[in-house]
C-alpha atoms as a PDB file:
ATOM      1  CA  UNK A   1     -67.016 -43.163   5.751  1.00  0.00           C
ATOM      2  CA  UNK A   2     -68.878 -40.345   6.329  1.00  0.00           C
ATOM      3  CA  UNK A   3     -66.529 -39.672   9.743  1.00  0.00           C
ATOM      4  CA  UNK A   4     -63.612 -40.158   7.895  1.00  0.00           C
ATOM      5  CA  UNK A   5     -64.981 -37.304   5.568  1.00  0.00           C
ATOM      6  CA  UNK A   6     -65.743 -34.863   7.944  1.00  0.00           C
ATOM      7  CA  UNK A   7     -62.085 -35.224   9.321  1.00  0.00           C
ATOM      8  CA  UNK A   8     -60.292 -34.655   6.001  1.00  0.00           C
ATOM      9  CA  UNK A   9     -61.737 -31.360   5.876  1.00  0.00           C
ATOM     10  CA  UNK A  10     -61.468 -30.249   8.795  1.00  0.00           C
ATOM     11  CA  UNK A  11     -57.483 -31.131   8.430  1.00  0.00           C
ATOM     12  CA  UNK A  12     -57.358 -29.228   5.234  1.00  0.00           C
ATOM     13  CA  UNK A  13     -59.357 -26.256   7.297  1.00  0.00           C
ATOM     14  CA  UNK A  14     -56.814 -25.950   9.626  1.00  0.00           C
ATOM     15  CA  UNK A  15     -54.183 -26.150   7.588  1.00  0.00           C
ATOM     16  CA  UNK A  16     -55.158 -23.367   5.537  1.00  0.00           C
ATOM     17  CA  UNK A  17     -55.984 -21.256   8.765  1.00  0.00           C
ATOM     18  CA  UNK A  18     -52.524 -21.966   9.948  1.00  0.00           C
ATOM     19  CA  UNK A  19     -51.009 -21.038   6.346  1.00  0.00           C
ATOM     20  CA  UNK A  20     -53.160 -17.852   6.658  1.00  0.00           C
ATOM     21  CA  UNK A  21     -52.111 -16.715   9.980  1.00  0.00           C
ATOM     22  CA  UNK A  22     -48.218 -17.144   8.289  1.00  0.00           C
ATOM     23  CA  UNK A  23     -48.294 -14.461   5.937  1.00  0.00           C
ATOM     24  CA  UNK A  24     -45.319 -14.203   5.680  1.00  0.00           C
ATOM     25  CA  UNK A  25     -44.752 -17.365   3.953  1.00  0.00           C
ATOM     26  CA  UNK A  26     -46.809 -16.139   0.714  1.00  0.00           C
ATOM     27  CA  UNK A  27     -45.341 -12.445   1.019  1.00  0.00           C
ATOM     28  CA  UNK A  28     -43.849 -11.039  -2.291  1.00  0.00           C
ATOM     29  CA  UNK A  29     -39.756 -11.230  -2.317  1.00  0.00           C
ATOM     30  CA  UNK A  30     -38.442  -7.494  -2.077  1.00  0.00           C
ATOM     31  CA  UNK A  31     -37.268  -5.585  -4.649  1.00  0.00           C
ATOM     32  CA  UNK A  32     -33.826  -5.724  -6.123  1.00  0.00           C
ATOM     33  CA  UNK A  33     -31.941  -2.452  -4.823  1.00  0.00           C
ATOM     34  CA  UNK A  34     -30.622  -0.435  -7.636  1.00  0.00           C
ATOM     35  CA  UNK A  35     -27.257  -0.484  -7.918  1.00  0.00           C
ATOM     36  CA  UNK A  36     -25.948   2.975  -6.350  1.00  0.00           C
ATOM     37  CA  UNK A  37     -24.463   5.807  -9.166  1.00  0.00           C
ATOM     38  CA  UNK A  38     -22.369   9.215  -8.624  1.00  0.00           C
ATOM     39  CA  UNK A  39     -19.168   9.858  -6.325  1.00  0.00           C
ATOM     40  CA  UNK A  40     -19.782   8.862  -2.533  1.00  0.00           C
ATOM     41  CA  UNK A  41     -17.229   9.591   0.307  1.00  0.00           C
ATOM     42  CA  UNK A  42     -16.719   7.409   2.631  1.00  0.00           C
ATOM     43  CA  UNK A  43     -15.155   7.331   6.328  1.00  0.00           C
ATOM     44  CA  UNK A  44     -14.071   4.862   8.618  1.00  0.00           C
ATOM     45  CA  UNK A  45     -13.495   5.658  12.643  1.00  0.00           C
ATOM     46  CA  UNK A  46     -11.312   4.807  15.349  1.00  0.00           C
ATOM     47  CA  UNK A  47     -12.943   2.028  17.727  1.00  0.00           C
ATOM     48  CA  UNK A  48     -11.043   3.581  20.400  1.00  0.00           C
ATOM     49  CA  UNK A  49     -11.181   7.408  19.533  1.00  0.00           C
ATOM     50  CA  UNK A  50     -13.689   7.973  17.239  1.00  0.00           C
ATOM     51  CA  UNK A  51     -11.276   9.979  15.232  1.00  0.00           C
ATOM     52  CA  UNK A  52     -11.930   9.250  11.097  1.00  0.00           C
ATOM     53  CA  UNK A  53      -8.879   6.798  10.257  1.00  0.00           C
ATOM     54  CA  UNK A  54      -9.793   7.056   6.516  1.00  0.00           C
ATOM     55  CA  UNK A  55     -11.329   8.770   3.851  1.00  0.00           C
ATOM     56  CA  UNK A  56     -12.507   7.974   0.458  1.00  0.00           C
ATOM     57  CA  UNK A  57     -14.471   8.443  -2.447  1.00  0.00           C
ATOM     58  CA  UNK A  58     -16.112   5.619  -4.638  1.00  0.00           C
ATOM     59  CA  UNK A  59     -17.395   6.258  -7.907  1.00  0.00           C
ATOM     60  CA  UNK A  60     -20.121   4.114  -9.301  1.00  0.00           C
ATOM     61  CA  UNK A  61     -20.737   3.351 -12.847  1.00  0.00           C
ATOM     62  CA  UNK A  62     -24.025   2.796 -14.432  1.00  0.00           C
ATOM     63  CA  UNK A  63     -23.860  -1.044 -14.133  1.00  0.00           C
ATOM     64  CA  UNK A  64     -23.093  -0.944 -10.581  1.00  0.00           C
ATOM     65  CA  UNK A  65     -19.195  -1.378 -10.936  1.00  0.00           C
ATOM     66  CA  UNK A  66     -17.510   1.004  -7.874  1.00  0.00           C
ATOM     67  CA  UNK A  67     -13.959   2.244  -8.658  1.00  0.00           C
ATOM     68  CA  UNK A  68     -11.726   4.311  -6.022  1.00  0.00           C
ATOM     69  CA  UNK A  69     -11.908   7.865  -7.478  1.00  0.00           C
ATOM     70  CA  UNK A  70     -10.310  11.315  -5.994  1.00  0.00           C
ATOM     71  CA  UNK A  71      -8.280  11.943  -2.771  1.00  0.00           C
ATOM     72  CA  UNK A  72      -7.801   9.155  -0.267  1.00  0.00           C
ATOM     73  CA  UNK A  73      -6.643  10.419   3.642  1.00  0.00           C
ATOM     74  CA  UNK A  74      -5.404   8.050   5.975  1.00  0.00           C
ATOM     75  CA  UNK A  75      -5.455   9.272  10.003  1.00  0.00           C
ATOM     76  CA  UNK A  76      -3.365   8.161  13.181  1.00  0.00           C
ATOM     77  CA  UNK A  77      -5.495   7.191  15.913  1.00  0.00           C
ATOM     78  CA  UNK A  78      -5.078  10.837  17.470  1.00  0.00           C
ATOM     79  CA  UNK A  79      -6.261  12.502  13.959  1.00  0.00           C
ATOM     80  CA  UNK A  80      -2.747  13.114  12.531  1.00  0.00           C
ATOM     81  CA  UNK A  81      -2.446  12.757   8.864  1.00  0.00           C
ATOM     82  CA  UNK A  82      -0.659   9.363   7.873  1.00  0.00           C
ATOM     83  CA  UNK A  83      -1.255   9.073   4.402  1.00  0.00           C
ATOM     84  CA  UNK A  84      -2.223  11.075   1.212  1.00  0.00           C
ATOM     85  CA  UNK A  85      -3.260   9.493  -1.871  1.00  0.00           C
ATOM     86  CA  UNK A  86      -4.901   9.587  -4.735  1.00  0.00           C
ATOM     87  CA  UNK A  87      -7.175   7.525  -7.881  1.00  0.00           C
ATOM     88  CA  UNK A  88      -9.067   8.326 -11.024  1.00  0.00           C
ATOM     89  CA  UNK A  89     -11.388   5.455 -12.198  1.00  0.00           C
ATOM     90  CA  UNK A  90      -9.376   3.013  -9.934  1.00  0.00           C
ATOM     91  CA  UNK A  91      -5.989   3.843 -10.826  1.00  0.00           C
ATOM     92  CA  UNK A  92      -3.115   5.614  -8.427  1.00  0.00           C
ATOM     93  CA  UNK A  93      -2.174   8.533  -9.910  1.00  0.00           C
ATOM     94  CA  UNK A  94      -0.115  11.593  -8.643  1.00  0.00           C
ATOM     95  CA  UNK A  95       1.904  12.822  -5.937  1.00  0.00           C
ATOM     96  CA  UNK A  96       1.581  10.063  -2.842  1.00  0.00           C
ATOM     97  CA  UNK A  97       2.682  10.496   0.510  1.00  0.00           C
ATOM     98  CA  UNK A  98       2.761   9.075   4.045  1.00  0.00           C
ATOM     99  CA  UNK A  99       3.615  10.526   7.528  1.00  0.00           C
ATOM    100  CA  UNK A 100       5.237   9.235  10.526  1.00  0.00           C
ATOM    101  CA  UNK A 101       3.023  10.110  13.450  1.00  0.00           C
ATOM    102  CA  UNK A 102       4.918  12.546  14.990  1.00  0.00           C
ATOM    103  CA  UNK A 103       4.434  14.376  11.215  1.00  0.00           C
ATOM    104  CA  UNK A 104       7.654  13.532   9.632  1.00  0.00           C
ATOM    105  CA  UNK A 105       7.301  12.547   6.206  1.00  0.00           C
ATOM    106  CA  UNK A 106       7.963   8.398   6.081  1.00  0.00           C
ATOM    107  CA  UNK A 107       7.680   8.527   2.319  1.00  0.00           C
ATOM    108  CA  UNK A 108       7.325  10.350  -0.983  1.00  0.00           C
ATOM    109  CA  UNK A 109       6.678   9.140  -4.782  1.00  0.00           C
ATOM    110  CA  UNK A 110       4.671   9.976  -7.807  1.00  0.00           C
ATOM    111  CA  UNK A 111       2.567   7.532  -9.935  1.00  0.00           C
ATOM    112  CA  UNK A 112       3.488   8.129 -13.579  1.00  0.00           C
ATOM    113  CA  UNK A 113       3.676   6.527 -16.567  1.00  0.00           C
ATOM    114  CA  UNK A 114       7.587   6.826 -16.909  1.00  0.00           C
ATOM    115  CA  UNK A 115       9.966   5.496 -13.895  1.00  0.00           C
ATOM    116  CA  UNK A 116       9.981   8.153 -11.053  1.00  0.00           C
ATOM    117  CA  UNK A 117      11.772   9.105  -8.211  1.00  0.00           C
ATOM    118  CA  UNK A 118      10.671   7.612  -4.733  1.00  0.00           C
ATOM    119  CA  UNK A 119      12.120   8.380  -1.312  1.00  0.00           C
ATOM    120  CA  UNK A 120      11.643   6.612   2.223  1.00  0.00           C
ATOM    121  CA  UNK A 121      12.967   8.831   5.296  1.00  0.00           C
ATOM    122  CA  UNK A 122      14.053   8.084   9.048  1.00  0.00           C
ATOM    123  CA  UNK A 123      11.978   9.426  11.726  1.00  0.00           C
ATOM    124  CA  UNK A 124      14.441  12.321  12.095  1.00  0.00           C
ATOM    125  CA  UNK A 125      13.768  13.741   8.261  1.00  0.00           C
ATOM    126  CA  UNK A 126      16.923  12.403   6.600  1.00  0.00           C
ATOM    127  CA  UNK A 127      16.608  10.362   3.981  1.00  0.00           C
ATOM    128  CA  UNK A 128      16.593   6.210   4.740  1.00  0.00           C
ATOM    129  CA  UNK A 129      15.892   5.091   0.970  1.00  0.00           C
ATOM    130  CA  UNK A 130      16.338   6.726  -2.635  1.00  0.00           C
ATOM    131  CA  UNK A 131      15.594   4.949  -6.047  1.00  0.00           C
ATOM    132  CA  UNK A 132      13.377   4.689  -9.248  1.00  0.00           C
ATOM    133  CA  UNK A 133       9.878   3.358  -9.242  1.00  0.00           C
ATOM    134  CA  UNK A 134       6.936   2.860 -11.227  1.00  0.00           C
ATOM    135  CA  UNK A 135       3.816   3.059 -10.251  1.00  0.00           C
ATOM    136  CA  UNK A 136       5.152   2.916  -6.435  1.00  0.00           C
ATOM    137  CA  UNK A 137       6.858   0.041  -7.091  1.00  0.00           C
ATOM    138  CA  UNK A 138      11.020  -0.198  -6.595  1.00  0.00           C
ATOM    139  CA  UNK A 139      11.739  -0.697 -10.282  1.00  0.00           C
ATOM    140  CA  UNK A 140      15.514   0.152 -10.699  1.00  0.00           C
ATOM    141  CA  UNK A 141      18.938   1.286  -8.883  1.00  0.00           C
ATOM    142  CA  UNK A 142      18.796   2.193  -5.255  1.00  0.00           C
ATOM    143  CA  UNK A 143      20.614   3.344  -2.439  1.00  0.00           C
ATOM    144  CA  UNK A 144      19.577   2.919   0.740  1.00  0.00           C
ATOM    145  CA  UNK A 145      21.256   4.908   3.837  1.00  0.00           C
ATOM    146  CA  UNK A 146      22.020   4.271   7.774  1.00  0.00           C
ATOM    147  CA  UNK A 147      20.887   6.834  10.284  1.00  0.00           C
ATOM    148  CA  UNK A 148      23.967   8.624  10.396  1.00  0.00           C
ATOM    149  CA  UNK A 149      23.906   9.423   7.133  1.00  0.00           C
ATOM    150  CA  UNK A 150      26.766   6.806   5.418  1.00  0.00           C
ATOM    151  CA  UNK A 151      25.506   4.290   2.801  1.00  0.00           C
ATOM    152  CA  UNK A 152      23.843   1.167   3.843  1.00  0.00           C
ATOM    153  CA  UNK A 153      23.464  -0.666   0.822  1.00  0.00           C
ATOM    154  CA  UNK A 154      22.712  -0.354  -2.986  1.00  0.00           C
ATOM    155  CA  UNK A 155      21.670  -2.546  -6.020  1.00  0.00           C
ATOM    156  CA  UNK A 156      18.639  -2.592  -8.178  1.00  0.00           C
ATOM    157  CA  UNK A 157      14.968  -3.311  -7.935  1.00  0.00           C
ATOM    158  CA  UNK A 158      12.622  -5.771 -10.757  1.00  0.00           C
ATOM    159  CA  UNK A 159       8.764  -5.410  -9.809  1.00  0.00           C
ATOM    160  CA  UNK A 160       9.673  -5.024  -6.101  1.00  0.00           C
ATOM    161  CA  UNK A 161      12.363  -7.598  -6.010  1.00  0.00           C
ATOM    162  CA  UNK A 162      16.176  -7.032  -5.579  1.00  0.00           C
ATOM    163  CA  UNK A 163      18.094  -8.574  -8.297  1.00  0.00           C
ATOM    164  CA  UNK A 164      21.142  -8.893  -9.349  1.00  0.00           C
ATOM    165  CA  UNK A 165      24.496  -7.579  -7.526  1.00  0.00           C
ATOM    166  CA  UNK A 166      24.205  -5.648  -4.278  1.00  0.00           C
ATOM    167  CA  UNK A 167      26.939  -4.197  -1.848  1.00  0.00           C
ATOM    168  CA  UNK A 168      26.382  -3.647   1.985  1.00  0.00           C
ATOM    169  CA  UNK A 169      28.534  -1.168   3.872  1.00  0.00           C
ATOM    170  CA  UNK A 170      29.092  -1.154   7.733  1.00  0.00           C
ATOM    171  CA  UNK A 171      27.717   2.407   9.218  1.00  0.00           C
ATOM    172  CA  UNK A 172      30.466   4.789   8.307  1.00  0.00           C
ATOM    173  CA  UNK A 173      31.073   3.473   4.866  1.00  0.00           C
ATOM    174  CA  UNK A 174      33.729   0.220   5.122  1.00  0.00           C
ATOM    175  CA  UNK A 175      32.158  -2.366   2.774  1.00  0.00           C
ATOM    176  CA  UNK A 176      30.641  -5.621   4.853  1.00  0.00           C
ATOM    177  CA  UNK A 177      29.099  -8.018   2.174  1.00  0.00           C
ATOM    178  CA  UNK A 178      28.362  -8.144  -1.543  1.00  0.00           C
ATOM    179  CA  UNK A 179      26.559 -11.166  -3.127  1.00  0.00           C
ATOM    180  CA  UNK A 180      23.804 -11.713  -5.876  1.00  0.00           C
ATOM    181  CA  UNK A 181      20.060 -12.108  -5.713  1.00  0.00           C
ATOM    182  CA  UNK A 182      17.389 -13.624  -7.305  1.00  0.00           C
ATOM    183  CA  UNK A 183      13.783 -12.583  -7.080  1.00  0.00           C
ATOM    184  CA  UNK A 184      14.388 -10.940  -4.158  1.00  0.00           C
ATOM    185  CA  UNK A 185      16.817 -14.500  -2.393  1.00  0.00           C
ATOM    186  CA  UNK A 186      19.925 -14.352  -1.815  1.00  0.00           C
ATOM    187  CA  UNK A 187      22.174 -16.516  -3.997  1.00  0.00           C
ATOM    188  CA  UNK A 188      25.117 -17.987  -4.703  1.00  0.00           C
ATOM    189  CA  UNK A 189      28.571 -16.763  -2.788  1.00  0.00           C
ATOM    190  CA  UNK A 190      28.824 -13.528  -1.064  1.00  0.00           C
ATOM    191  CA  UNK A 191      31.963 -11.854  -0.436  1.00  0.00           C
ATOM    192  CA  UNK A 192      32.093 -10.413   3.401  1.00  0.00           C
ATOM    193  CA  UNK A 193      34.726  -7.739   5.097  1.00  0.00           C
ATOM    194  CA  UNK A 194      35.347  -6.554   8.287  1.00  0.00           C
ATOM    195  CA  UNK A 195      34.378  -3.075   9.446  1.00  0.00           C
ATOM    196  CA  UNK A 196      37.096  -1.455   7.481  1.00  0.00           C
ATOM    197  CA  UNK A 197      37.320   1.407   4.931  1.00  0.00           C
ATOM    198  CA  UNK A 198      36.099   0.112   1.077  1.00  0.00           C
ATOM    199  CA  UNK A 199      38.816   0.524  -1.562  1.00  0.00           C
ATOM    200  CA  UNK A 200      36.435  -0.030  -4.775  1.00  0.00           C
ATOM    201  CA  UNK A 201      35.659   2.390  -7.199  1.00  0.00           C
ATOM    202  CA  UNK A 202      32.547   5.067  -6.184  1.00  0.00           C
ATOM    203  CA  UNK A 203      29.328   3.991  -6.296  1.00  0.00           C
ATOM    204  CA  UNK A 204      26.856   4.727  -9.636  1.00  0.00           C
ATOM    205  CA  UNK A 205      24.540   7.386  -8.673  1.00  0.00           C
ATOM    206  CA  UNK A 206      21.307   7.912 -11.189  1.00  0.00           C
ATOM    207  CA  UNK A 207      21.518  11.152 -12.630  1.00  0.00           C
ATOM    208  CA  UNK A 208      18.104  12.289 -11.781  1.00  0.00           C
ATOM    209  CA  UNK A 209      18.464  11.642  -8.015  1.00  0.00           C
ATOM    210  CA  UNK A 210      21.386  13.701  -7.752  1.00  0.00           C
ATOM    211  CA  UNK A 211      19.464  16.851  -7.338  1.00  0.00           C
ATOM    212  CA  UNK A 212      17.505  15.231  -4.643  1.00  0.00           C
ATOM    213  CA  UNK A 213      20.005  13.720  -2.830  1.00  0.00           C
ATOM    214  CA  UNK A 214      21.889  15.926   0.120  1.00  0.00           C
ATOM    215  CA  UNK A 215      25.582  16.282   0.711  1.00  0.00           C
ATOM    216  CA  UNK A 216      25.627  14.124   4.197  1.00  0.00           C
ATOM    217  CA  UNK A 217      23.916  11.218   1.939  1.00  0.00           C
ATOM    218  CA  UNK A 218      26.632  11.037  -0.859  1.00  0.00           C
ATOM    219  CA  UNK A 219      27.083   7.585  -1.773  1.00  0.00           C
ATOM    220  CA  UNK A 220      30.414   7.768  -3.092  1.00  0.00           C
ATOM    221  CA  UNK A 221      32.704   5.466  -0.756  1.00  0.00           C
ATOM    222  CA  UNK A 222      35.166   7.190   1.612  1.00  0.00           C
ATOM    223  CA  UNK A 223      38.570   7.203  -0.038  1.00  0.00           C
END
């Protein structure tokens, strides 16, 4: 009986000694890090070149929530400007622009509380598409252009999706096809034409865009 008691006591002492050596088991958990507050400017670098490819600002509220706030700049890997954006409390605002790698403007649009003009450009700087947008989302009548300046296709977008009747043209202006879209999906019967001059009435151009549309981009059908 005495031997068993001594053995049990020795086992307890050894166990206590092992626990004493493993101090991490008894360490207090780290205190939680308080949420950051205020404005912080962040950067992301290109792995190969080391150049900044994105610089943006985040504002932290007192409850720890984070919002994009202020200018956001994107760059091509060689350091050329790729896009300019603006944010206020997580909401897109102001004039947004994007650029091709050669520095030519690719797109511009104003994020405002009403439908505004949105324009896309070909790499040579000529207009490739123009129409209405709501907060940067295509929403209204649009006209797209071939690289030679002639009308490519036109119709309406609703919340970024093609809706209703769209008409397509061959390069130079001849009718190509016409049909309907439902939530960006072609539906129903479509009519197609060989590459011949258009004979139907002039296309409609929103009044707000006429001032921006260069003469070489007239969407009137050839006579």
